[in-house]
Amino acid sequence: SAIKAVKDAVSIPVIGNGDVKNCFDAKKMIDETGCDAI
């Protein structure tokens, strides 16, 4: 939720990090947070 909060607050690209252990986690992070990359 911290990644989503940052993504919603700034206009520059936001890259999410933390507990991405496989491809399914990668997609889930992007879907849940809207981050530009993992």
Full PDB file with SEQRES, HELIX, SHEET, SSBOND, CRYST1, ORIGX, SCALE, CONECT and MASTER records, all heavy atoms in Angstrom:
SEQRES   1 A   38  SER ALA ILE LYS ALA VAL LYS ASP ALA VAL SER ILE PRO          
SEQRES   2 A   38  VAL ILE GLY ASN GLY ASP VAL LYS ASN CYS PHE ASP ALA          
SEQRES   3 A   38  LYS LYS MET ILE ASP GLU THR GLY CYS ASP ALA ILE              
HELIX    1 AA1 ALA A    2  ALA A    9  1                                   8    
HELIX    2 AA2 CYS A   23  THR A   33  1                                  11    
CRYST1    1.000    1.000    1.000  90.00  90.00  90.00 P 1           1          
ORIGX1      1.000000  0.000000  0.000000        0.00000                         
ORIGX2      0.000000  1.000000  0.000000        0.00000                         
ORIGX3      0.000000  0.000000  1.000000        0.00000                         
SCALE1      1.000000  0.000000  0.000000        0.00000                         
SCALE2      0.000000  1.000000  0.000000        0.00000                         
SCALE3      0.000000  0.000000  1.000000        0.00000                         
ATOM      1  N   SER A   1       0.833  -1.203   0.000  1.00  0.00           N  
ATOM      2  CA  SER A   1       0.000   0.000   0.000  1.00  0.00           C  
ATOM      3  C   SER A   1       0.874   1.261   0.000  1.00  0.00           C  
ATOM      4  O   SER A   1       0.452   2.318  -0.484  1.00  0.00           O  
ATOM      5  CB  SER A   1      -0.946   0.014   1.202  1.00  0.00           C  
ATOM      6  OG  SER A   1      -0.227   0.131   2.428  1.00  0.00           O  
ATOM      7  N   ALA A   2       2.096   1.140   0.521  1.00  0.00           N  
ATOM      8  CA  ALA A   2       3.026   2.272   0.502  1.00  0.00           C  
ATOM      9  C   ALA A   2       3.429   2.617  -0.925  1.00  0.00           C  
ATOM     10  O   ALA A   2       3.588   3.796  -1.283  1.00  0.00           O  
ATOM     11  CB  ALA A   2       4.269   1.945   1.337  1.00  0.00           C  
ATOM     12  N   ILE A   3       3.589   1.598  -1.752  1.00  0.00           N  
ATOM     13  CA  ILE A   3       3.938   1.823  -3.163  1.00  0.00           C  
ATOM     14  C   ILE A   3       2.793   2.543  -3.865  1.00  0.00           C  
ATOM     15  O   ILE A   3       3.008   3.510  -4.606  1.00  0.00           O  
ATOM     16  CB  ILE A   3       4.249   0.481  -3.866  1.00  0.00           C  
ATOM     17  CG1 ILE A   3       5.406  -0.243  -3.174  1.00  0.00           C  
ATOM     18  CG2 ILE A   3       4.564   0.712  -5.350  1.00  0.00           C  
ATOM     19  CD1 ILE A   3       5.622  -1.673  -3.666  1.00  0.00           C  
ATOM     20  N   LYS A   4       1.576   2.082  -3.626  1.00  0.00           N  
ATOM     21  CA  LYS A   4       0.400   2.721  -4.237  1.00  0.00           C  
ATOM     22  C   LYS A   4       0.267   4.172  -3.786  1.00  0.00           C  
ATOM     23  O   LYS A   4      -0.025   5.066  -4.597  1.00  0.00           O  
ATOM     24  CB  LYS A   4      -0.868   1.942  -3.890  1.00  0.00           C  
ATOM     25  CG  LYS A   4      -2.137   2.593  -4.451  1.00  0.00           C  
ATOM     26  CD  LYS A   4      -3.342   1.715  -4.285  1.00  0.00           C  
ATOM     27  CE  LYS A   4      -4.639   2.419  -4.669  1.00  0.00           C  
ATOM     28  NZ  LYS A   4      -4.562   3.344  -5.798  1.00  0.00           N  
ATOM     29  N   ALA A   5       0.518   4.417  -2.498  1.00  0.00           N  
ATOM     30  CA  ALA A   5       0.406   5.780  -1.966  1.00  0.00           C  
ATOM     31  C   ALA A   5       1.408   6.711  -2.650  1.00  0.00           C  
ATOM     32  O   ALA A   5       1.078   7.858  -2.990  1.00  0.00           O  
ATOM     33  CB  ALA A   5       0.634   5.775  -0.459  1.00  0.00           C  
ATOM     34  N   VAL A   6       2.621   6.218  -2.853  1.00  0.00           N  
ATOM     35  CA  VAL A   6       3.647   7.027  -3.530  1.00  0.00           C  
ATOM     36  C   VAL A   6       3.271   7.236  -4.996  1.00  0.00           C  
ATOM     37  O   VAL A   6       3.390   8.348  -5.528  1.00  0.00           O  
ATOM     38  CB  VAL A   6       5.034   6.357  -3.408  1.00  0.00           C  
ATOM     39  CG1 VAL A   6       6.041   7.014  -4.349  1.00  0.00           C  
ATOM     40  CG2 VAL A   6       5.533   6.441  -1.973  1.00  0.00           C  
ATOM     41  N   LYS A   7       2.826   6.172  -5.653  1.00  0.00           N  
ATOM     42  CA  LYS A   7       2.442   6.281  -7.065  1.00  0.00           C  
ATOM     43  C   LYS A   7       1.329   7.296  -7.253  1.00  0.00           C  
ATOM     44  O   LYS A   7       1.323   8.074  -8.216  1.00  0.00           O  
ATOM     45  CB  LYS A   7       2.006   4.904  -7.595  1.00  0.00           C  
ATOM     46  CG  LYS A   7       1.510   4.903  -9.034  1.00  0.00           C  
ATOM     47  CD  LYS A   7       2.578   5.401 -10.005  1.00  0.00           C  
ATOM     48  CE  LYS A   7       2.024   5.494 -11.422  1.00  0.00           C  
ATOM     49  NZ  LYS A   7       2.970   6.148 -12.346  1.00  0.00           N  
ATOM     50  N   ASP A   8       0.382   7.312  -6.323  1.00  0.00           N  
ATOM     51  CA  ASP A   8      -0.738   8.257  -6.411  1.00  0.00           C  
ATOM     52  C   ASP A   8      -0.326   9.695  -6.110  1.00  0.00           C  
ATOM     53  O   ASP A   8      -1.025  10.644  -6.494  1.00  0.00           O  
ATOM     54  CB  ASP A   8      -1.844   7.851  -5.430  1.00  0.00           C  
ATOM     55  CG  ASP A   8      -2.552   6.565  -5.835  1.00  0.00           C  
ATOM     56  OD1 ASP A   8      -2.415   6.162  -7.006  1.00  0.00           O  
ATOM     57  OD2 ASP A   8      -3.234   5.961  -4.975  1.00  0.00           O  
ATOM     58  N   ALA A   9       0.823   9.855  -5.436  1.00  0.00           N  
ATOM     59  CA  ALA A   9       1.222  11.183  -4.962  1.00  0.00           C  
ATOM     60  C   ALA A   9       2.160  11.928  -5.902  1.00  0.00           C  
ATOM     61  O   ALA A   9       2.281  13.153  -5.807  1.00  0.00           O  
ATOM     62  CB  ALA A   9       1.875  11.063  -3.580  1.00  0.00           C  
ATOM     63  N   VAL A  10       2.854  11.205  -6.786  1.00  0.00           N  
ATOM     64  CA  VAL A  10       3.841  11.854  -7.662  1.00  0.00           C  
ATOM     65  C   VAL A  10       3.559  11.522  -9.122  1.00  0.00           C  
ATOM     66  O   VAL A  10       2.836  10.571  -9.438  1.00  0.00           O  
ATOM     67  CB  VAL A  10       5.285  11.434  -7.304  1.00  0.00           C  
ATOM     68  CG1 VAL A  10       5.640  11.843  -5.885  1.00  0.00           C  
ATOM     69  CG2 VAL A  10       5.487   9.933  -7.487  1.00  0.00           C  
ATOM     70  N   SER A  11       4.134  12.309 -10.004  1.00  0.00           N  
ATOM     71  CA  SER A  11       3.907  12.091 -11.437  1.00  0.00           C  
ATOM     72  C   SER A  11       5.090  11.414 -12.123  1.00  0.00           C  
ATOM     73  O   SER A  11       4.994  11.008 -13.279  1.00  0.00           O  
ATOM     74  CB  SER A  11       3.619  13.431 -12.128  1.00  0.00           C  
ATOM     75  OG  SER A  11       4.701  14.327 -11.933  1.00  0.00           O  
ATOM     76  N   ILE A  12       6.233  11.298 -11.428  1.00  0.00           N  
ATOM     77  CA  ILE A  12       7.390  10.616 -12.002  1.00  0.00           C  
ATOM     78  C   ILE A  12       7.201   9.098 -11.860  1.00  0.00           C  
ATOM     79  O   ILE A  12       6.407   8.645 -11.038  1.00  0.00           O  
ATOM     80  CB  ILE A  12       8.707  11.056 -11.326  1.00  0.00           C  
ATOM     81  CG1 ILE A  12       8.637  10.853  -9.808  1.00  0.00           C  
ATOM     82  CG2 ILE A  12       9.015  12.507 -11.673  1.00  0.00           C  
ATOM     83  CD1 ILE A  12       9.926  11.217  -9.072  1.00  0.00           C  
ATOM     84  N   PRO A  13       7.914   8.300 -12.678  1.00  0.00           N  
ATOM     85  CA  PRO A  13       7.770   6.840 -12.587  1.00  0.00           C  
ATOM     86  C   PRO A  13       8.113   6.311 -11.197  1.00  0.00           C  
ATOM     87  O   PRO A  13       9.039   6.800 -10.543  1.00  0.00           O  
ATOM     88  CB  PRO A  13       8.770   6.326 -13.629  1.00  0.00           C  
ATOM     89  CG  PRO A  13       8.919   7.443 -14.599  1.00  0.00           C  
ATOM     90  CD  PRO A  13       8.813   8.693 -13.783  1.00  0.00           C  
ATOM     91  N   VAL A  14       7.335   5.313 -10.764  1.00  0.00           N  
ATOM     92  CA  VAL A  14       7.549   4.682  -9.462  1.00  0.00           C  
ATOM     93  C   VAL A  14       7.781   3.185  -9.677  1.00  0.00           C  
ATOM     94  O   VAL A  14       7.004   2.507 -10.361  1.00  0.00           O  
ATOM     95  CB  VAL A  14       6.335   4.894  -8.535  1.00  0.00           C  
ATOM     96  CG1 VAL A  14       6.486   4.074  -7.244  1.00  0.00           C  
ATOM     97  CG2 VAL A  14       6.171   6.378  -8.212  1.00  0.00           C  
ATOM     98  N   ILE A  15       8.853   2.696  -9.078  1.00  0.00           N  
ATOM     99  CA  ILE A  15       9.235   1.290  -9.211  1.00  0.00           C  
ATOM    100  C   ILE A  15       9.013   0.605  -7.858  1.00  0.00           C  
ATOM    101  O   ILE A  15       9.515   1.067  -6.838  1.00  0.00           O  
ATOM    102  CB  ILE A  15      10.705   1.163  -9.643  1.00  0.00           C  
ATOM    103  CG1 ILE A  15      10.914   1.866 -10.994  1.00  0.00           C  
ATOM    104  CG2 ILE A  15      11.128  -0.301  -9.729  1.00  0.00           C  
ATOM    105  CD1 ILE A  15      12.333   2.302 -11.253  1.00  0.00           C  
ATOM    106  N   GLY A  16       8.252  -0.470  -7.850  1.00  0.00           N  
ATOM    107  CA  GLY A  16       7.932  -1.168  -6.616  1.00  0.00           C  
ATOM    108  C   GLY A  16       8.920  -2.269  -6.294  1.00  0.00           C  
ATOM    109  O   GLY A  16       9.384  -2.986  -7.189  1.00  0.00           O  
ATOM    110  N   ASN A  17       9.231  -2.431  -5.018  1.00  0.00           N  
ATOM    111  CA  ASN A  17      10.210  -3.419  -4.569  1.00  0.00           C  
ATOM    112  C   ASN A  17       9.756  -4.023  -3.241  1.00  0.00           C  
ATOM    113  O   ASN A  17       9.255  -3.311  -2.375  1.00  0.00           O  
ATOM    114  CB  ASN A  17      11.572  -2.721  -4.423  1.00  0.00           C  
ATOM    115  CG  ASN A  17      12.676  -3.613  -3.885  1.00  0.00           C  
ATOM    116  OD1 ASN A  17      13.514  -3.159  -3.112  1.00  0.00           O  
ATOM    117  ND2 ASN A  17      12.707  -4.864  -4.280  1.00  0.00           N  
ATOM    118  N   GLY A  18       9.918  -5.342  -3.109  1.00  0.00           N  
ATOM    119  CA  GLY A  18       9.572  -5.998  -1.853  1.00  0.00           C  
ATOM    120  C   GLY A  18       8.621  -7.163  -2.032  1.00  0.00           C  
ATOM    121  O   GLY A  18       7.475  -6.987  -2.448  1.00  0.00           O  
ATOM    122  N   ASP A  19       9.106  -8.368  -1.764  1.00  0.00           N  
ATOM    123  CA  ASP A  19       8.296  -9.593  -1.809  1.00  0.00           C  
ATOM    124  C   ASP A  19       7.806  -9.977  -3.195  1.00  0.00           C  
ATOM    125  O   ASP A  19       6.766 -10.639  -3.336  1.00  0.00           O  
ATOM    126  CB  ASP A  19       7.094  -9.498  -0.853  1.00  0.00           C  
ATOM    127  CG  ASP A  19       7.498  -9.596   0.612  1.00  0.00           C  
ATOM    128  OD1 ASP A  19       8.669  -9.939   0.877  1.00  0.00           O  
ATOM    129  OD2 ASP A  19       6.661  -9.319   1.489  1.00  0.00           O  
ATOM    130  N   VAL A  20       8.543  -9.609  -4.233  1.00  0.00           N  
ATOM    131  CA  VAL A  20       8.252 -10.142  -5.567  1.00  0.00           C  
ATOM    132  C   VAL A  20       9.140 -11.374  -5.733  1.00  0.00           C  
ATOM    133  O   VAL A  20      10.337 -11.263  -5.940  1.00  0.00           O  
ATOM    134  CB  VAL A  20       8.520  -9.114  -6.685  1.00  0.00           C  
ATOM    135  CG1 VAL A  20       8.334  -9.763  -8.057  1.00  0.00           C  
ATOM    136  CG2 VAL A  20       7.588  -7.923  -6.550  1.00  0.00           C  
ATOM    137  N   LYS A  21       8.525 -12.539  -5.623  1.00  0.00           N  
ATOM    138  CA  LYS A  21       9.278 -13.798  -5.640  1.00  0.00           C  
ATOM    139  C   LYS A  21       9.103 -14.580  -6.935  1.00  0.00           C  
ATOM    140  O   LYS A  21       9.821 -15.552  -7.180  1.00  0.00           O  
ATOM    141  CB  LYS A  21       8.851 -14.670  -4.451  1.00  0.00           C  
ATOM    142  CG  LYS A  21       9.114 -14.002  -3.105  1.00  0.00           C  
ATOM    143  CD  LYS A  21       8.469 -14.769  -1.969  1.00  0.00           C  
ATOM    144  CE  LYS A  21       8.641 -14.019  -0.653  1.00  0.00           C  
ATOM    145  NZ  LYS A  21       7.890 -14.650   0.458  1.00  0.00           N  
ATOM    146  N   ASN A  22       8.143 -14.170  -7.753  1.00  0.00           N  
ATOM    147  CA  ASN A  22       7.888 -14.868  -9.017  1.00  0.00           C  
ATOM    148  C   ASN A  22       7.070 -13.962  -9.932  1.00  0.00           C  
ATOM    149  O   ASN A  22       6.728 -12.828  -9.562  1.00  0.00           O  
ATOM    150  CB  ASN A  22       7.150 -16.188  -8.767  1.00  0.00           C  
ATOM    151  CG  ASN A  22       5.912 -15.992  -7.899  1.00  0.00           C  
ATOM    152  OD1 ASN A  22       5.068 -15.137  -8.177  1.00  0.00           O  
ATOM    153  ND2 ASN A  22       5.803 -16.786  -6.830  1.00  0.00           N  
ATOM    154  N   CYS A  23       6.747 -14.473 -11.117  1.00  0.00           N  
ATOM    155  CA  CYS A  23       6.037 -13.654 -12.108  1.00  0.00           C  
ATOM    156  C   CYS A  23       4.629 -13.281 -11.653  1.00  0.00           C  
ATOM    157  O   CYS A  23       4.120 -12.214 -12.002  1.00  0.00           O  
ATOM    158  CB  CYS A  23       5.993 -14.373 -13.454  1.00  0.00           C  
ATOM    159  SG  CYS A  23       5.138 -15.968 -13.442  1.00  0.00           S  
ATOM    160  N   PHE A  24       4.002 -14.146 -10.855  1.00  0.00           N  
ATOM    161  CA  PHE A  24       2.645 -13.863 -10.385  1.00  0.00           C  
ATOM    162  C   PHE A  24       2.650 -12.700  -9.388  1.00  0.00           C  
ATOM    163  O   PHE A  24       1.761 -11.850  -9.397  1.00  0.00           O  
ATOM    164  CB  PHE A  24       2.037 -15.113  -9.753  1.00  0.00           C  
ATOM    165  CG  PHE A  24       2.107 -16.324 -10.658  1.00  0.00           C  
ATOM    166  CD1 PHE A  24       2.949 -17.385 -10.357  1.00  0.00           C  
ATOM    167  CD2 PHE A  24       1.360 -16.380 -11.827  1.00  0.00           C  
ATOM    168  CE1 PHE A  24       3.030 -18.491 -11.190  1.00  0.00           C  
ATOM    169  CE2 PHE A  24       1.429 -17.481 -12.676  1.00  0.00           C  
ATOM    170  CZ  PHE A  24       2.272 -18.533 -12.359  1.00  0.00           C  
ATOM    171  N   ASP A  25       3.683 -12.680  -8.520  1.00  0.00           N  
ATOM    172  CA  ASP A  25       3.835 -11.554  -7.597  1.00  0.00           C  
ATOM    173  C   ASP A  25       4.067 -10.256  -8.367  1.00  0.00           C  
ATOM    174  O   ASP A  25       3.557  -9.197  -7.986  1.00  0.00           O  
ATOM    175  CB  ASP A  25       5.032 -11.780  -6.659  1.00  0.00           C  
ATOM    176  CG  ASP A  25       4.806 -12.909  -5.671  1.00  0.00           C  
ATOM    177  OD1 ASP A  25       3.641 -13.233  -5.379  1.00  0.00           O  
ATOM    178  OD2 ASP A  25       5.813 -13.474  -5.197  1.00  0.00           O  
ATOM    179  N   ALA A  26       4.854 -10.345  -9.434  1.00  0.00           N  
ATOM    180  CA  ALA A  26       5.159  -9.154 -10.238  1.00  0.00           C  
ATOM    181  C   ALA A  26       3.882  -8.536 -10.794  1.00  0.00           C  
ATOM    182  O   ALA A  26       3.657  -7.323 -10.691  1.00  0.00           O  
ATOM    183  CB  ALA A  26       6.111  -9.526 -11.378  1.00  0.00           C  
ATOM    184  N   LYS A  27       3.035  -9.370 -11.371  1.00  0.00           N  
ATOM    185  CA  LYS A  27       1.781  -8.859 -11.943  1.00  0.00           C  
ATOM    186  C   LYS A  27       0.855  -8.341 -10.844  1.00  0.00           C  
ATOM    187  O   LYS A  27       0.202  -7.293 -11.001  1.00  0.00           O  
ATOM    188  CB  LYS A  27       1.071  -9.948 -12.748  1.00  0.00           C  
ATOM    189  CG  LYS A  27      -0.146  -9.408 -13.511  1.00  0.00           C  
ATOM    190  CD  LYS A  27      -0.723 -10.428 -14.456  1.00  0.00           C  
ATOM    191  CE  LYS A  27      -1.752  -9.792 -15.389  1.00  0.00           C  
ATOM    192  NZ  LYS A  27      -2.778  -9.009 -14.691  1.00  0.00           N  
ATOM    193  N   LYS A  28       0.812  -9.051  -9.735  1.00  0.00           N  
ATOM    194  CA  LYS A  28      -0.046  -8.640  -8.624  1.00  0.00           C  
ATOM    195  C   LYS A  28       0.373  -7.275  -8.095  1.00  0.00           C  
ATOM    196  O   LYS A  28      -0.474  -6.417  -7.820  1.00  0.00           O  
ATOM    197  CB  LYS A  28       0.012  -9.679  -7.509  1.00  0.00           C  
ATOM    198  CG  LYS A  28      -0.965  -9.417  -6.376  1.00  0.00           C  
ATOM    199  CD  LYS A  28      -0.869 -10.514  -5.308  1.00  0.00           C  
ATOM    200  CE  LYS A  28      -1.843 -10.231  -4.168  1.00  0.00           C  
ATOM    201  NZ  LYS A  28      -1.707 -11.209  -3.066  1.00  0.00           N  
ATOM    202  N   MET A  29       1.706  -7.041  -7.967  1.00  0.00           N  
ATOM    203  CA  MET A  29       2.176  -5.747  -7.479  1.00  0.00           C  
ATOM    204  C   MET A  29       1.769  -4.620  -8.424  1.00  0.00           C  
ATOM    205  O   MET A  29       1.286  -3.566  -7.994  1.00  0.00           O  
ATOM    206  CB  MET A  29       3.699  -5.740  -7.294  1.00  0.00           C  
ATOM    207  CG  MET A  29       4.234  -4.386  -6.842  1.00  0.00           C  
ATOM    208  SD  MET A  29       6.031  -4.300  -6.673  1.00  0.00           S  
ATOM    209  CE  MET A  29       6.260  -4.984  -5.028  1.00  0.00           C  
ATOM    210  N   ILE A  30       1.956  -4.835  -9.704  1.00  0.00           N  
ATOM    211  CA  ILE A  30       1.595  -3.799 -10.676  1.00  0.00           C  
ATOM    212  C   ILE A  30       0.088  -3.548 -10.671  1.00  0.00           C  
ATOM    213  O   ILE A  30      -0.366  -2.404 -10.684  1.00  0.00           O  
ATOM    214  CB  ILE A  30       2.093  -4.185 -12.085  1.00  0.00           C  
ATOM    215  CG1 ILE A  30       3.630  -4.086 -12.139  1.00  0.00           C  
ATOM    216  CG2 ILE A  30       1.468  -3.285 -13.151  1.00  0.00           C  
ATOM    217  CD1 ILE A  30       4.243  -4.582 -13.427  1.00  0.00           C  
ATOM    218  N   ASP A  31      -0.690  -4.618 -10.609  1.00  0.00           N  
ATOM    219  CA  ASP A  31      -2.151  -4.476 -10.605  1.00  0.00           C  
ATOM    220  C   ASP A  31      -2.652  -3.758  -9.352  1.00  0.00           C  
ATOM    221  O   ASP A  31      -3.570  -2.940  -9.413  1.00  0.00           O  
ATOM    222  CB  ASP A  31      -2.821  -5.855 -10.695  1.00  0.00           C  
ATOM    223  CG  ASP A  31      -2.677  -6.487 -12.075  1.00  0.00           C  
ATOM    224  OD1 ASP A  31      -2.290  -5.764 -13.013  1.00  0.00           O  
ATOM    225  OD2 ASP A  31      -2.930  -7.698 -12.197  1.00  0.00           O  
ATOM    226  N   GLU A  32      -2.055  -4.084  -8.200  1.00  0.00           N  
ATOM    227  CA  GLU A  32      -2.535  -3.521  -6.934  1.00  0.00           C  
ATOM    228  C   GLU A  32      -2.056  -2.095  -6.679  1.00  0.00           C  
ATOM    229  O   GLU A  32      -2.747  -1.317  -6.022  1.00  0.00           O  
ATOM    230  CB  GLU A  32      -2.080  -4.406  -5.769  1.00  0.00           C  
ATOM    231  CG  GLU A  32      -2.829  -5.716  -5.666  1.00  0.00           C  
ATOM    232  CD  GLU A  32      -2.471  -6.503  -4.414  1.00  0.00           C  
ATOM    233  OE1 GLU A  32      -1.708  -5.980  -3.558  1.00  0.00           O  
ATOM    234  OE2 GLU A  32      -2.948  -7.645  -4.283  1.00  0.00           O  
ATOM    235  N   THR A  33      -0.874  -1.758  -7.191  1.00  0.00           N  
ATOM    236  CA  THR A  33      -0.274  -0.464  -6.851  1.00  0.00           C  
ATOM    237  C   THR A  33      -0.240   0.526  -8.005  1.00  0.00           C  
ATOM    238  O   THR A  33      -0.104   1.723  -7.785  1.00  0.00           O  
ATOM    239  CB  THR A  33       1.165  -0.649  -6.352  1.00  0.00           C  
ATOM    240  OG1 THR A  33       2.004  -1.045  -7.452  1.00  0.00           O  
ATOM    241  CG2 THR A  33       1.249  -1.691  -5.244  1.00  0.00           C  
ATOM    242  N   GLY A  34      -0.320   0.020  -9.237  1.00  0.00           N  
ATOM    243  CA  GLY A  34      -0.205   0.901 -10.397  1.00  0.00           C  
ATOM    244  C   GLY A  34       1.215   1.328 -10.683  1.00  0.00           C  
ATOM    245  O   GLY A  34       1.446   2.237 -11.505  1.00  0.00           O  
ATOM    246  N   CYS A  35       2.202   0.706 -10.019  1.00  0.00           N  
ATOM    247  CA  CYS A  35       3.598   1.101 -10.227  1.00  0.00           C  
ATOM    248  C   CYS A  35       4.019   0.850 -11.676  1.00  0.00           C  
ATOM    249  O   CYS A  35       3.460  -0.003 -12.369  1.00  0.00           O  
ATOM    250  CB  CYS A  35       4.526   0.389  -9.253  1.00  0.00           C  
ATOM    251  SG  CYS A  35       4.600  -1.405  -9.412  1.00  0.00           S  
ATOM    252  N   ASP A  36       5.009   1.603 -12.122  1.00  0.00           N  
ATOM    253  CA  ASP A  36       5.441   1.548 -13.515  1.00  0.00           C  
ATOM    254  C   ASP A  36       6.305   0.338 -13.819  1.00  0.00           C  
ATOM    255  O   ASP A  36       6.406  -0.097 -14.969  1.00  0.00           O  
ATOM    256  CB  ASP A  36       6.205   2.831 -13.861  1.00  0.00           C  
ATOM    257  CG  ASP A  36       5.336   4.059 -13.707  1.00  0.00           C  
ATOM    258  OD1 ASP A  36       4.628   4.389 -14.664  1.00  0.00           O  
ATOM    259  OD2 ASP A  36       5.343   4.679 -12.618  1.00  0.00           O  
ATOM    260  N   ALA A  37       6.957  -0.189 -12.789  1.00  0.00           N  
ATOM    261  CA  ALA A  37       7.833  -1.348 -12.965  1.00  0.00           C  
ATOM    262  C   ALA A  37       8.054  -1.992 -11.599  1.00  0.00           C  
ATOM    263  O   ALA A  37       7.755  -1.400 -10.558  1.00  0.00           O  
ATOM    264  CB  ALA A  37       9.173  -0.933 -13.582  1.00  0.00           C  
ATOM    265  N   ILE A  38       8.579  -3.223 -11.632  1.00  0.00           N  
ATOM    266  CA  ILE A  38       8.894  -3.908 -10.375  1.00  0.00           C  
ATOM    267  C   ILE A  38      10.404  -4.142 -10.308  1.00  0.00           C  
ATOM    268  O   ILE A  38      11.085  -4.230 -11.323  1.00  0.00           O  
ATOM    269  CB  ILE A  38       8.120  -5.232 -10.225  1.00  0.00           C  
ATOM    270  CG1 ILE A  38       8.367  -6.170 -11.416  1.00  0.00           C  
ATOM    271  CG2 ILE A  38       6.637  -4.947 -10.082  1.00  0.00           C  
ATOM    272  CD1 ILE A  38       9.383  -7.239 -11.162  1.00  0.00           C  
TER     273      ILE A  38                                                      
MASTER        0    0    0    2    0    0    0    6  272    1    0    3          
END                                                                             
